Amino acid sequence: SKFVRGEAMAGILIMAINILGGLIIGVAQHGMTIGDAAQTFSLLTIGEGLVGQTPALLVSTAAGLVVSKAASEASLGEEYAAQFTLKPQAMSVAAGIILLIGLVPGLPHIPFISLALLTGGLAYAAHTSRQKAEAAAVEAKKVPKPKGPEPMENLLSLDLLELEAGYGLIPLVDEEQDGELLERIRALRRQFAIEMGVIVPPIHIRDNLQLKPGGYVVLIKGVEVARGDLMVGYQLALHPGDALRQIEGIPTREPTFNLPALWIPANKKEEAQHLGYTVVNLASVIATHLSEVIRAHCHELLGRQDVQKLLDRLAQSNPKVVEELVPGLLSLGGIQKVLQNLVQERISIRDLLSILETLADYAPFTKDPDILTEYVRQRLGQALTKPLETPDNKIMIYSLDPFVEDLVKDSLQKTDYGIFLAMAPETAQEIITALQGAVDKATAQNVQPIVVCSPGVRRHLRRLVERHLPTLRVLSHHELVTEAKIQSLGVVSLSHEA
């Protein structure tokens, strides 16, 4: 830029010297008047300036060509051809201007008109070539590209919760066809967050042509945990036991609780309801089944990352509790195990503050998550028993016979990994059978089956029966709050007991 500025200033200085010197020479040496001298030498100065700009034009053009070539790896000829044909509109304008110049009187017509025709032909050829290239590009986009090998890492991803449905159930998840299953699942996740304090992961729904049209499968971490088979176009009528009369339908079993039911056409819904039946549509059946499956396997969905998110959220309002407990007193895995134990027995962990405060109180004395869980259960007290109350605020319980408690206590073995129940299979089966009778009696009375025992055997008795009697709630005496109205339904004992 300095050289360009200096050249411009020198050009202005030379122009002034030429005009001034011309005036002096014309007047002094040639006897010209000032007007004649100014006219003559001004024209000569302008001509000299125009001639002097020719080298500058050539240098600028050469510099532009060099710069354009330096930015490309193509050869000089290819680059020039590409630059000239890059904008066909510019060449068309240039051809028109040259043609107008050729028509000016006094100028040679043939060279200018010939050059205009040549430039116009090049512009037309460039425009045609560009249109063909664009059309080829559009066609290339329409042709699907061959898929490359799928990254193997994508095959390792695993959905925590999946619902596979037969093609006949697809309209239930299509909101454009008034499918209400998605909305019910959203409501289900909100309900779990409120009742259990657990964020249920998103449920991945996909079709499975290998299933029957009305079939569906629930998978957790890729493993099937439940399935059902519905009749598309029908509704499920549940017999309440006191119906006015039997309605015609296809006998079946309700998939969630295995209750007797009937498949009835949609046009018989009002008739069935009038007779006392409970009628539910297919979306409600799936949502209810899914709810119970999640409730039974919720502890499997509660991972360390989920627990960390719960702790981070609590730390925003109660930072000291979290700082005291983690990681000084208890690891993240220890807290996760306690929360899983609670959720597995369908106890809400929404009151996370009380849970962590209890852990902070007892973690200095023991790191056993099972023992810590018992302390937390006793702390929750009211929140533990309130959902078990009947409409008249009573808790209907069965008591465990002391002889049975002694059998459980005598079967406990302490190892380096904790205390485990090592009971003879025959004895374990007798206890399960006795508890099964209590569950059947409570269910017949439409009462939540509850058995109460001493704190020392509670968790071991629960683990003994959890797979066989998942609906049975096992409480300890310490978990029954004093305000509760307790009503005994009987004592669970063994038939051969002395």
Protein backbone atom coordinates (compact mmCIF):
# COMPACT_ATOMS: atom_id res chain seq x y z
CA SER A 1 0.00 0.00 0.00
CA LYS A 2 2.95 2.36 0.64
CA PHE A 3 4.25 1.85 -2.89
CA VAL A 4 0.80 2.44 -4.39
CA ARG A 5 0.37 5.64 -2.38
CA GLY A 6 3.85 6.87 -3.35
CA GLU A 7 3.24 6.15 -7.02
CA ALA A 8 -0.04 8.09 -6.93
CA MET A 9 1.61 11.10 -5.29
CA ALA A 10 4.47 11.01 -7.79
CA GLY A 11 1.97 10.90 -10.66
CA ILE A 12 0.19 14.00 -9.36
CA LEU A 13 3.52 15.82 -8.95
CA ILE A 14 4.65 14.91 -12.49
CA MET A 15 1.31 16.11 -13.91
CA ALA A 16 1.74 19.51 -12.20
CA ILE A 17 5.33 19.81 -13.44
CA ASN A 18 4.27 18.94 -17.01
CA ILE A 19 1.53 21.58 -17.06
CA LEU A 20 3.65 24.28 -15.41
CA GLY A 21 6.74 23.50 -17.48
CA GLY A 22 4.67 23.41 -20.66
CA LEU A 23 3.25 26.87 -19.95
CA ILE A 24 6.74 28.31 -19.40
CA ILE A 25 8.20 26.65 -22.49
CA GLY A 26 5.27 27.59 -24.70
CA VAL A 27 5.25 31.25 -23.69
CA ALA A 28 9.01 31.80 -23.37
CA GLN A 29 10.40 29.73 -26.24
CA HIS A 30 7.59 29.40 -28.75
CA GLY A 31 5.94 32.81 -28.28
CA MET A 32 2.53 31.26 -27.58
CA THR A 33 -0.16 32.98 -25.60
CA ILE A 34 -0.97 31.65 -22.16
CA GLY A 35 -4.33 30.26 -23.37
CA ASP A 36 -2.79 28.45 -26.34
CA ALA A 37 0.05 27.12 -24.21
CA ALA A 38 -2.38 25.88 -21.51
CA GLN A 39 -4.59 24.15 -24.07
CA THR A 40 -1.72 22.51 -25.92
CA PHE A 41 0.32 21.29 -22.99
CA SER A 42 -2.78 20.22 -20.95
CA LEU A 43 -3.75 17.88 -23.78
CA LEU A 44 -0.18 16.58 -23.96
CA THR A 45 -0.14 16.02 -20.18
CA ILE A 46 -3.43 14.07 -20.33
CA GLY A 47 -2.10 11.89 -23.13
CA GLU A 48 1.13 11.25 -21.27
CA GLY A 49 -0.91 10.27 -18.18
CA LEU A 50 -3.03 7.82 -20.14
CA VAL A 51 0.06 6.25 -21.69
CA GLY A 52 1.65 6.04 -18.25
CA GLN A 53 -1.35 4.08 -16.86
CA THR A 54 -0.93 1.31 -19.41
CA PRO A 55 1.93 -0.38 -17.50
CA ALA A 56 -0.06 -0.04 -14.24
CA LEU A 57 -3.05 -1.74 -15.89
CA LEU A 58 -0.88 -4.56 -17.12
CA VAL A 59 0.78 -4.97 -13.70
CA SER A 60 -2.61 -5.01 -11.89
CA THR A 61 -4.02 -7.56 -14.33
CA ALA A 62 -0.95 -9.76 -13.96
CA ALA A 63 -1.12 -9.52 -10.16
CA GLY A 64 -4.80 -10.54 -10.19
CA LEU A 65 -4.02 -13.53 -12.39
CA VAL A 66 -1.18 -14.63 -10.13
CA VAL A 67 -3.30 -14.31 -6.98
CA SER A 68 -6.15 -16.29 -8.56
CA LYS A 69 -3.77 -19.03 -9.64
CA ALA A 70 -2.10 -19.22 -6.23
CA ALA A 71 -5.44 -20.07 -4.56
CA SER A 72 -6.00 -23.11 -6.79
CA GLU A 73 -4.12 -26.32 -7.45
CA ALA A 74 -5.30 -26.48 -11.09
CA SER A 75 -3.06 -25.62 -14.04
CA LEU A 76 -2.92 -22.04 -15.36
CA GLY A 77 -5.04 -22.78 -18.43
CA GLU A 78 -7.68 -24.69 -16.44
CA GLU A 79 -7.87 -21.91 -13.86
CA TYR A 80 -8.28 -19.18 -16.52
CA ALA A 81 -10.96 -21.19 -18.31
CA ALA A 82 -12.79 -21.74 -15.02
CA GLN A 83 -12.61 -18.05 -14.12
CA PHE A 84 -13.88 -16.91 -17.53
CA THR A 85 -16.79 -19.38 -17.49
CA LEU A 86 -17.62 -18.94 -13.80
CA LYS A 87 -20.15 -16.17 -14.44
CA PRO A 88 -21.75 -16.51 -17.92
CA GLN A 89 -23.86 -13.41 -17.20
CA ALA A 90 -20.72 -11.26 -17.01
CA MET A 91 -19.50 -12.53 -20.39
CA SER A 92 -22.95 -11.83 -21.87
CA VAL A 93 -22.80 -8.25 -20.63
CA ALA A 94 -19.27 -7.88 -22.04
CA ALA A 95 -20.42 -9.21 -25.43
CA GLY A 96 -23.26 -6.68 -25.50
CA ILE A 97 -20.94 -3.77 -24.65
CA ILE A 98 -18.42 -4.82 -27.36
CA LEU A 99 -21.26 -5.07 -29.88
CA LEU A 100 -22.42 -1.53 -29.03
CA ILE A 101 -18.87 -0.24 -29.43
CA GLY A 102 -18.66 -1.94 -32.85
CA LEU A 103 -21.78 -0.06 -33.97
CA VAL A 104 -20.36 3.35 -33.10
CA PRO A 105 -19.67 5.35 -36.34
CA GLY A 106 -16.00 5.81 -37.07
CA LEU A 107 -14.84 2.63 -35.35
CA PRO A 108 -13.93 -0.59 -37.17
CA HIS A 109 -17.13 -2.65 -37.20
CA ILE A 110 -15.89 -6.08 -38.27
CA PRO A 111 -13.32 -6.66 -35.45
CA PHE A 112 -15.67 -5.50 -32.67
CA ILE A 113 -18.69 -7.39 -34.01
CA SER A 114 -16.58 -10.54 -34.47
CA LEU A 115 -15.23 -10.24 -30.91
CA ALA A 116 -18.78 -9.67 -29.60
CA LEU A 117 -20.03 -12.81 -31.37
CA LEU A 118 -17.11 -14.84 -30.01
CA THR A 119 -17.68 -13.61 -26.46
CA GLY A 120 -21.43 -14.23 -26.74
CA GLY A 121 -20.81 -17.77 -28.00
CA LEU A 122 -18.50 -18.49 -25.08
CA ALA A 123 -21.12 -17.09 -22.68
CA TYR A 124 -23.83 -19.31 -24.19
CA ALA A 125 -21.59 -22.39 -24.05
CA ALA A 126 -20.68 -21.67 -20.43
CA HIS A 127 -24.35 -21.17 -19.51
CA THR A 128 -25.37 -24.44 -21.19
CA SER A 129 -22.55 -26.34 -19.48
CA ARG A 130 -23.52 -24.93 -16.10
CA GLN A 131 -27.18 -25.94 -16.56
CA LYS A 132 -26.13 -29.50 -17.40
CA ALA A 133 -23.89 -29.65 -14.33
CA GLU A 134 -26.71 -28.43 -12.08
CA ALA A 135 -29.15 -30.95 -13.58
CA ALA A 136 -26.63 -33.74 -13.04
CA ALA A 137 -26.16 -32.65 -9.42
CA VAL A 138 -29.93 -32.74 -8.83
CA GLU A 139 -30.17 -36.23 -10.32
CA ALA A 140 -27.24 -37.37 -8.20
CA LYS A 141 -29.05 -36.22 -5.07
CA LYS A 142 -32.12 -38.24 -6.04
CA VAL A 143 -30.10 -41.43 -6.38
CA PRO A 144 -29.65 -42.93 -2.88
CA LYS A 145 -26.05 -43.23 -1.89
CA PRO A 146 -24.89 -46.73 -1.02
CA LYS A 147 -24.87 -47.13 2.72
CA GLY A 148 -21.50 -47.70 4.23
CA PRO A 149 -20.87 -50.14 7.03
CA GLU A 150 -22.81 -49.24 10.17
CA PRO A 151 -20.54 -48.22 13.05
CA MET A 152 -20.29 -51.15 15.42
CA GLU A 153 -20.57 -48.80 18.39
CA ASN A 154 -24.22 -48.13 17.49
CA LEU A 155 -25.00 -51.79 18.09
CA LEU A 156 -23.84 -51.55 21.70
CA SER A 157 -26.50 -49.04 22.78
CA LEU A 158 -29.27 -50.53 24.89
CA ASP A 159 -32.63 -49.00 25.72
CA LEU A 160 -33.51 -49.28 29.40
CA LEU A 161 -37.23 -49.62 28.74
CA GLU A 162 -38.85 -50.84 25.52
CA LEU A 163 -42.35 -51.66 24.36
CA GLU A 164 -42.69 -53.81 21.24
CA ALA A 165 -46.16 -53.90 19.69
CA GLY A 166 -47.80 -55.92 16.95
CA TYR A 167 -48.91 -54.10 13.81
CA GLY A 168 -52.54 -54.12 14.96
CA LEU A 169 -51.64 -51.92 17.95
CA ILE A 170 -49.75 -49.29 15.94
CA PRO A 171 -52.81 -46.96 15.76
CA LEU A 172 -52.72 -46.75 19.56
CA VAL A 173 -49.39 -44.88 19.41
CA ASP A 174 -50.29 -42.73 16.39
CA GLU A 175 -51.76 -39.49 17.69
CA GLU A 176 -52.96 -38.60 14.18
CA GLN A 177 -55.29 -41.61 14.46
CA ASP A 178 -56.43 -40.50 17.93
CA GLY A 179 -54.07 -42.94 19.59
CA GLU A 180 -53.94 -42.23 23.33
CA LEU A 181 -51.20 -44.61 24.46
CA LEU A 182 -48.42 -42.01 24.23
CA GLU A 183 -50.36 -39.58 26.40
CA ARG A 184 -51.06 -42.33 28.93
CA ILE A 185 -47.36 -43.18 29.07
CA ARG A 186 -46.50 -39.52 29.65
CA ALA A 187 -49.06 -39.43 32.46
CA LEU A 188 -47.57 -42.66 33.82
CA ARG A 189 -44.09 -41.14 34.02
CA ARG A 190 -45.47 -38.06 35.77
CA GLN A 191 -47.31 -40.28 38.24
CA PHE A 192 -44.14 -42.21 39.10
CA ALA A 193 -42.21 -39.00 39.63
CA ILE A 194 -44.86 -37.77 42.07
CA GLU A 195 -45.60 -41.02 43.89
CA MET A 196 -42.21 -42.76 43.93
CA GLY A 197 -39.77 -39.90 43.44
CA VAL A 198 -38.20 -41.77 40.51
CA ILE A 199 -37.78 -40.44 36.98
CA VAL A 200 -38.77 -43.29 34.69
CA PRO A 201 -36.56 -43.29 31.57
CA PRO A 202 -38.22 -42.64 28.20
CA ILE A 203 -39.99 -45.69 26.83
CA HIS A 204 -38.87 -46.70 23.34
CA ILE A 205 -41.88 -47.98 21.38
CA ARG A 206 -41.41 -49.90 18.14
CA ASP A 207 -43.34 -52.37 16.02
CA ASN A 208 -42.48 -56.04 15.86
CA LEU A 209 -43.90 -57.98 12.93
CA GLN A 210 -43.01 -61.27 14.61
CA LEU A 211 -45.70 -60.65 17.24
CA LYS A 212 -49.39 -61.30 16.76
CA PRO A 213 -51.38 -58.26 15.58
CA GLY A 214 -52.57 -57.60 19.14
CA GLY A 215 -49.45 -58.79 20.94
CA TYR A 216 -47.01 -56.65 22.88
CA VAL A 217 -43.82 -57.25 24.85
CA VAL A 218 -42.19 -55.17 27.59
CA LEU A 219 -38.40 -55.33 27.76
CA ILE A 220 -36.02 -53.96 30.38
CA LYS A 221 -32.41 -53.65 29.25
CA GLY A 222 -33.20 -55.85 26.27
CA VAL A 223 -34.71 -58.68 28.34
CA GLU A 224 -38.38 -59.57 28.12
CA VAL A 225 -40.14 -59.14 31.47
CA ALA A 226 -43.82 -59.19 30.45
CA ARG A 227 -46.06 -59.75 27.48
CA GLY A 228 -49.73 -59.65 26.59
CA ASP A 229 -52.08 -60.49 23.75
CA LEU A 230 -55.04 -58.22 23.03
CA MET A 231 -57.91 -58.46 20.57
CA VAL A 232 -57.80 -55.53 18.18
CA GLY A 233 -61.16 -53.82 17.81
CA TYR A 234 -62.48 -55.13 21.13
CA GLN A 235 -62.58 -53.80 24.68
CA LEU A 236 -61.87 -55.60 27.94
CA ALA A 237 -64.74 -56.07 30.40
CA LEU A 238 -63.77 -56.98 33.97
CA HIS A 239 -66.33 -58.90 36.02
CA PRO A 240 -66.83 -57.14 39.36
CA GLY A 241 -68.42 -60.16 41.02
CA ASP A 242 -71.78 -58.49 41.57
CA ALA A 243 -72.87 -57.97 37.97
CA LEU A 244 -76.60 -58.04 37.29
CA ARG A 245 -76.15 -60.76 34.66
CA GLN A 246 -73.52 -62.31 32.44
CA ILE A 247 -72.76 -60.50 29.20
CA GLU A 248 -71.75 -62.30 26.04
CA GLY A 249 -68.08 -62.09 25.19
CA ILE A 250 -64.87 -63.99 24.56
CA PRO A 251 -63.40 -65.27 27.86
CA THR A 252 -59.83 -64.21 28.61
CA ARG A 253 -57.51 -63.24 31.46
CA GLU A 254 -56.58 -59.66 32.24
CA PRO A 255 -52.79 -59.48 31.53
CA THR A 256 -51.76 -57.39 34.55
CA PHE A 257 -53.36 -59.18 37.50
CA ASN A 258 -54.51 -62.34 35.68
CA LEU A 259 -58.15 -61.66 36.54
CA PRO A 260 -61.00 -63.26 34.57
CA ALA A 261 -62.38 -60.93 31.91
CA LEU A 262 -64.26 -60.81 28.62
CA TRP A 263 -63.50 -59.34 25.22
CA ILE A 264 -66.57 -57.45 24.04
CA PRO A 265 -67.23 -55.34 20.91
CA ALA A 266 -67.10 -51.59 21.31
CA ASN A 267 -70.84 -51.30 20.66
CA LYS A 268 -71.56 -53.32 23.83
CA LYS A 269 -69.61 -51.01 26.13
CA GLU A 270 -72.62 -49.13 27.49
CA GLU A 271 -74.55 -52.36 28.07
CA ALA A 272 -71.63 -53.88 29.99
CA GLN A 273 -71.21 -50.79 32.12
CA HIS A 274 -74.93 -50.77 32.87
CA LEU A 275 -74.63 -54.36 34.10
CA GLY A 276 -71.79 -53.40 36.45
CA TYR A 277 -68.74 -54.41 34.41
CA THR A 278 -65.61 -52.29 34.34
CA VAL A 279 -64.79 -51.70 30.67
CA VAL A 280 -61.34 -50.50 29.57
CA ASN A 281 -59.91 -49.89 26.11
CA LEU A 282 -56.71 -51.40 24.75
CA ALA A 283 -54.56 -48.36 25.57
CA SER A 284 -55.66 -48.54 29.21
CA VAL A 285 -54.86 -52.26 29.37
CA ILE A 286 -51.33 -51.71 28.07
CA ALA A 287 -50.75 -48.65 30.27
CA THR A 288 -51.91 -50.52 33.40
CA HIS A 289 -49.71 -53.51 32.59
CA LEU A 290 -46.76 -51.25 31.87
CA SER A 291 -47.31 -49.42 35.16
CA GLU A 292 -47.18 -52.62 37.21
CA VAL A 293 -44.12 -53.86 35.33
CA ILE A 294 -42.27 -50.62 35.99
CA ARG A 295 -43.36 -50.70 39.63
CA ALA A 296 -42.01 -54.23 40.03
CA HIS A 297 -38.71 -53.51 38.24
CA CYS A 298 -38.22 -49.86 39.14
CA HIS A 299 -35.12 -50.66 41.20
CA GLU A 300 -33.42 -52.05 38.09
CA LEU A 301 -33.93 -48.72 36.31
CA LEU A 302 -32.37 -46.65 39.11
CA GLY A 303 -28.71 -46.35 38.08
CA ARG A 304 -25.81 -44.44 39.56
CA GLN A 305 -26.26 -41.60 37.09
CA ASP A 306 -29.90 -41.24 38.13
CA VAL A 307 -28.90 -41.17 41.81
CA GLN A 308 -26.28 -38.52 41.06
CA LYS A 309 -28.91 -36.35 39.39
CA LEU A 310 -31.15 -36.69 42.47
CA LEU A 311 -28.25 -35.70 44.72
CA ASP A 312 -27.35 -32.72 42.53
CA ARG A 313 -30.93 -31.51 42.63
CA LEU A 314 -31.11 -31.85 46.43
CA ALA A 315 -27.73 -30.12 46.81
CA GLN A 316 -29.22 -26.97 45.32
CA SER A 317 -31.49 -26.53 48.36
CA ASN A 318 -29.68 -28.59 51.04
CA PRO A 319 -25.98 -28.64 50.14
CA LYS A 320 -24.69 -29.47 53.64
CA VAL A 321 -26.51 -32.81 53.83
CA VAL A 322 -25.06 -33.98 50.54
CA GLU A 323 -21.57 -32.67 51.36
CA GLU A 324 -21.55 -34.48 54.72
CA LEU A 325 -22.71 -37.80 53.32
CA VAL A 326 -20.96 -38.09 49.94
CA PRO A 327 -18.27 -39.23 49.61
CA GLY A 328 -17.00 -38.99 53.20
CA LEU A 329 -19.49 -41.32 54.90
CA LEU A 330 -21.04 -43.29 52.06
CA SER A 331 -20.20 -43.89 48.43
CA LEU A 332 -22.56 -43.20 45.56
CA GLY A 333 -23.00 -46.94 45.09
CA GLY A 334 -24.00 -47.37 48.74
CA ILE A 335 -26.68 -44.70 48.44
CA GLN A 336 -27.88 -46.29 45.20
CA LYS A 337 -28.26 -49.68 46.92
CA VAL A 338 -30.31 -48.17 49.77
CA LEU A 339 -32.60 -46.36 47.33
CA GLN A 340 -32.97 -49.51 45.25
CA ASN A 341 -33.96 -51.47 48.37
CA LEU A 342 -36.64 -48.92 49.17
CA VAL A 343 -38.01 -48.71 45.64
CA GLN A 344 -38.01 -52.49 45.32
CA GLU A 345 -40.48 -52.64 48.22
CA ARG A 346 -42.52 -49.85 46.59
CA ILE A 347 -41.50 -47.17 49.08
CA SER A 348 -41.33 -43.63 47.75
CA ILE A 349 -37.92 -41.93 47.80
CA ARG A 350 -39.36 -38.52 47.06
CA ASP A 351 -38.48 -37.41 50.62
CA LEU A 352 -34.81 -37.74 49.75
CA LEU A 353 -33.80 -35.23 52.43
CA SER A 354 -35.06 -37.45 55.27
CA ILE A 355 -33.43 -40.49 53.68
CA LEU A 356 -30.02 -38.83 53.40
CA GLU A 357 -30.21 -37.37 56.91
CA THR A 358 -30.88 -40.87 58.29
CA LEU A 359 -27.96 -42.27 56.31
CA ALA A 360 -25.73 -39.48 57.63
CA ASP A 361 -26.76 -40.40 61.20
CA TYR A 362 -26.05 -44.14 60.92
CA ALA A 363 -23.39 -44.40 58.19
CA PRO A 364 -20.56 -43.75 60.73
CA PHE A 365 -21.51 -47.02 62.46
CA THR A 366 -22.23 -49.32 59.53
CA LYS A 367 -21.80 -49.34 55.76
CA ASP A 368 -24.12 -52.31 55.19
CA PRO A 369 -26.82 -50.99 52.80
CA ASP A 370 -29.37 -53.53 54.06
CA ILE A 371 -29.01 -52.41 57.67
CA LEU A 372 -29.05 -48.76 56.61
CA THR A 373 -32.25 -49.46 54.68
CA GLU A 374 -33.91 -50.70 57.87
CA TYR A 375 -32.97 -47.49 59.68
CA VAL A 376 -34.39 -45.44 56.81
CA ARG A 377 -37.63 -47.44 56.85
CA GLN A 378 -38.08 -46.74 60.56
CA ARG A 379 -37.40 -43.05 59.96
CA LEU A 380 -39.99 -42.82 57.20
CA GLY A 381 -42.66 -44.38 59.45
CA GLN A 382 -45.80 -42.45 58.54
CA ALA A 383 -44.91 -42.24 54.85
CA LEU A 384 -44.41 -46.01 54.92
CA THR A 385 -47.74 -47.00 56.45
CA LYS A 386 -50.05 -44.27 55.17
CA PRO A 387 -50.49 -45.79 51.68
CA LEU A 388 -51.40 -49.12 53.35
CA GLU A 389 -54.38 -47.75 55.27
CA THR A 390 -57.93 -48.72 54.38
CA PRO A 391 -60.53 -46.04 53.57
CA ASP A 392 -61.50 -46.00 57.28
CA ASN A 393 -57.83 -45.32 58.27
CA LYS A 394 -57.06 -48.83 59.52
CA ILE A 395 -54.07 -51.05 58.82
CA MET A 396 -55.10 -54.69 58.47
CA ILE A 397 -52.19 -56.95 59.39
CA TYR A 398 -51.19 -60.55 59.97
CA SER A 399 -48.70 -61.27 62.74
CA LEU A 400 -45.89 -63.75 62.28
CA ASP A 401 -45.83 -66.55 64.81
CA PRO A 402 -42.77 -66.40 67.14
CA PHE A 403 -41.94 -69.99 66.22
CA VAL A 404 -41.64 -68.99 62.56
CA GLU A 405 -39.51 -66.00 63.53
CA ASP A 406 -37.18 -68.31 65.45
CA LEU A 407 -36.88 -70.56 62.40
CA VAL A 408 -35.79 -67.58 60.33
CA LYS A 409 -33.35 -66.35 62.99
CA ASP A 410 -31.77 -69.78 63.42
CA SER A 411 -31.24 -70.03 59.65
CA LEU A 412 -29.21 -66.82 59.39
CA GLN A 413 -25.52 -67.21 58.61
CA LYS A 414 -22.97 -64.44 58.91
CA THR A 415 -20.19 -64.28 56.30
CA ASP A 416 -17.59 -61.76 55.21
CA TYR A 417 -20.11 -60.43 52.70
CA GLY A 418 -22.99 -59.98 55.14
CA ILE A 419 -25.78 -61.96 56.78
CA PHE A 420 -27.68 -64.40 54.58
CA LEU A 421 -30.63 -66.74 55.03
CA ALA A 422 -29.64 -70.40 54.70
CA MET A 423 -32.88 -72.31 55.29
CA ALA A 424 -33.81 -75.82 54.33
CA PRO A 425 -35.95 -75.82 51.16
CA GLU A 426 -38.74 -77.77 52.86
CA THR A 427 -38.98 -75.26 55.71
CA ALA A 428 -38.86 -72.31 53.31
CA GLN A 429 -41.68 -73.80 51.24
CA GLU A 430 -43.81 -74.33 54.36
CA ILE A 431 -43.38 -70.68 55.36
CA ILE A 432 -44.22 -69.50 51.84
CA THR A 433 -47.33 -71.70 51.79
CA ALA A 434 -48.49 -70.32 55.14
CA LEU A 435 -47.98 -66.75 53.94
CA GLN A 436 -49.75 -67.58 50.68
CA GLY A 437 -52.84 -68.48 52.67
CA ALA A 438 -52.72 -65.11 54.44
CA VAL A 439 -52.35 -63.31 51.11
CA ASP A 440 -55.34 -65.17 49.64
CA LYS A 441 -57.53 -64.30 52.63
CA ALA A 442 -56.54 -60.63 52.52
CA THR A 443 -57.12 -60.45 48.78
CA ALA A 444 -60.56 -62.02 49.18
CA GLN A 445 -61.41 -59.20 51.61
CA ASN A 446 -60.04 -56.61 49.16
CA VAL A 447 -57.31 -55.72 51.65
CA GLN A 448 -53.59 -55.14 51.05
CA PRO A 449 -51.80 -58.24 52.45
CA ILE A 450 -49.44 -57.19 55.26
CA VAL A 451 -47.43 -59.31 57.68
CA VAL A 452 -45.66 -57.85 60.72
CA CYS A 453 -42.58 -59.37 62.34
CA SER A 454 -39.57 -58.36 64.43
CA PRO A 455 -36.99 -55.98 62.91
CA GLY A 456 -34.25 -58.60 62.98
CA VAL A 457 -35.97 -60.95 60.55
CA ARG A 458 -37.97 -58.51 58.42
CA ARG A 459 -35.60 -58.09 55.49
CA HIS A 460 -34.71 -61.79 55.41
CA LEU A 461 -38.36 -62.82 55.40
CA ARG A 462 -39.02 -60.33 52.63
CA ARG A 463 -36.26 -61.76 50.46
CA LEU A 464 -37.58 -65.24 51.08
CA VAL A 465 -41.05 -64.46 49.72
CA GLU A 466 -40.49 -61.57 47.28
CA ARG A 467 -40.40 -63.75 44.17
CA HIS A 468 -43.35 -65.92 45.18
CA LEU A 469 -45.53 -63.26 46.85
CA PRO A 470 -44.66 -59.91 45.27
CA THR A 471 -47.80 -58.20 46.61
CA LEU A 472 -47.10 -59.10 50.25
CA ARG A 473 -45.82 -56.19 52.33
CA VAL A 474 -43.52 -57.18 55.20
CA LEU A 475 -43.26 -54.64 58.04
CA SER A 476 -41.47 -54.62 61.37
CA HIS A 477 -43.02 -53.61 64.67
CA HIS A 478 -40.85 -50.48 64.75
CA GLU A 479 -42.30 -49.27 61.46
CA LEU A 480 -45.86 -49.10 62.76
CA VAL A 481 -46.43 -45.56 64.00
CA THR A 482 -48.37 -45.07 67.22
CA GLU A 483 -51.08 -43.05 65.46
CA ALA A 484 -52.01 -45.96 63.21
CA LYS A 485 -55.17 -47.95 63.91
CA ILE A 486 -54.01 -51.56 63.80
CA GLN A 487 -56.46 -54.40 63.25
CA SER A 488 -55.21 -57.97 63.32
CA LEU A 489 -56.50 -60.47 60.78
CA GLY A 490 -54.73 -63.43 62.37
CA VAL A 491 -51.38 -65.10 62.99
CA VAL A 492 -49.30 -66.82 60.33
CA SER A 493 -48.09 -70.15 61.69
CA LEU A 494 -47.01 -73.57 60.42
CA SER A 495 -49.45 -76.47 60.44
CA HIS A 496 -47.05 -78.96 62.14
CA GLU A 497 -46.00 -76.47 64.81
CA ALA A 498 -45.97 -77.98 68.26
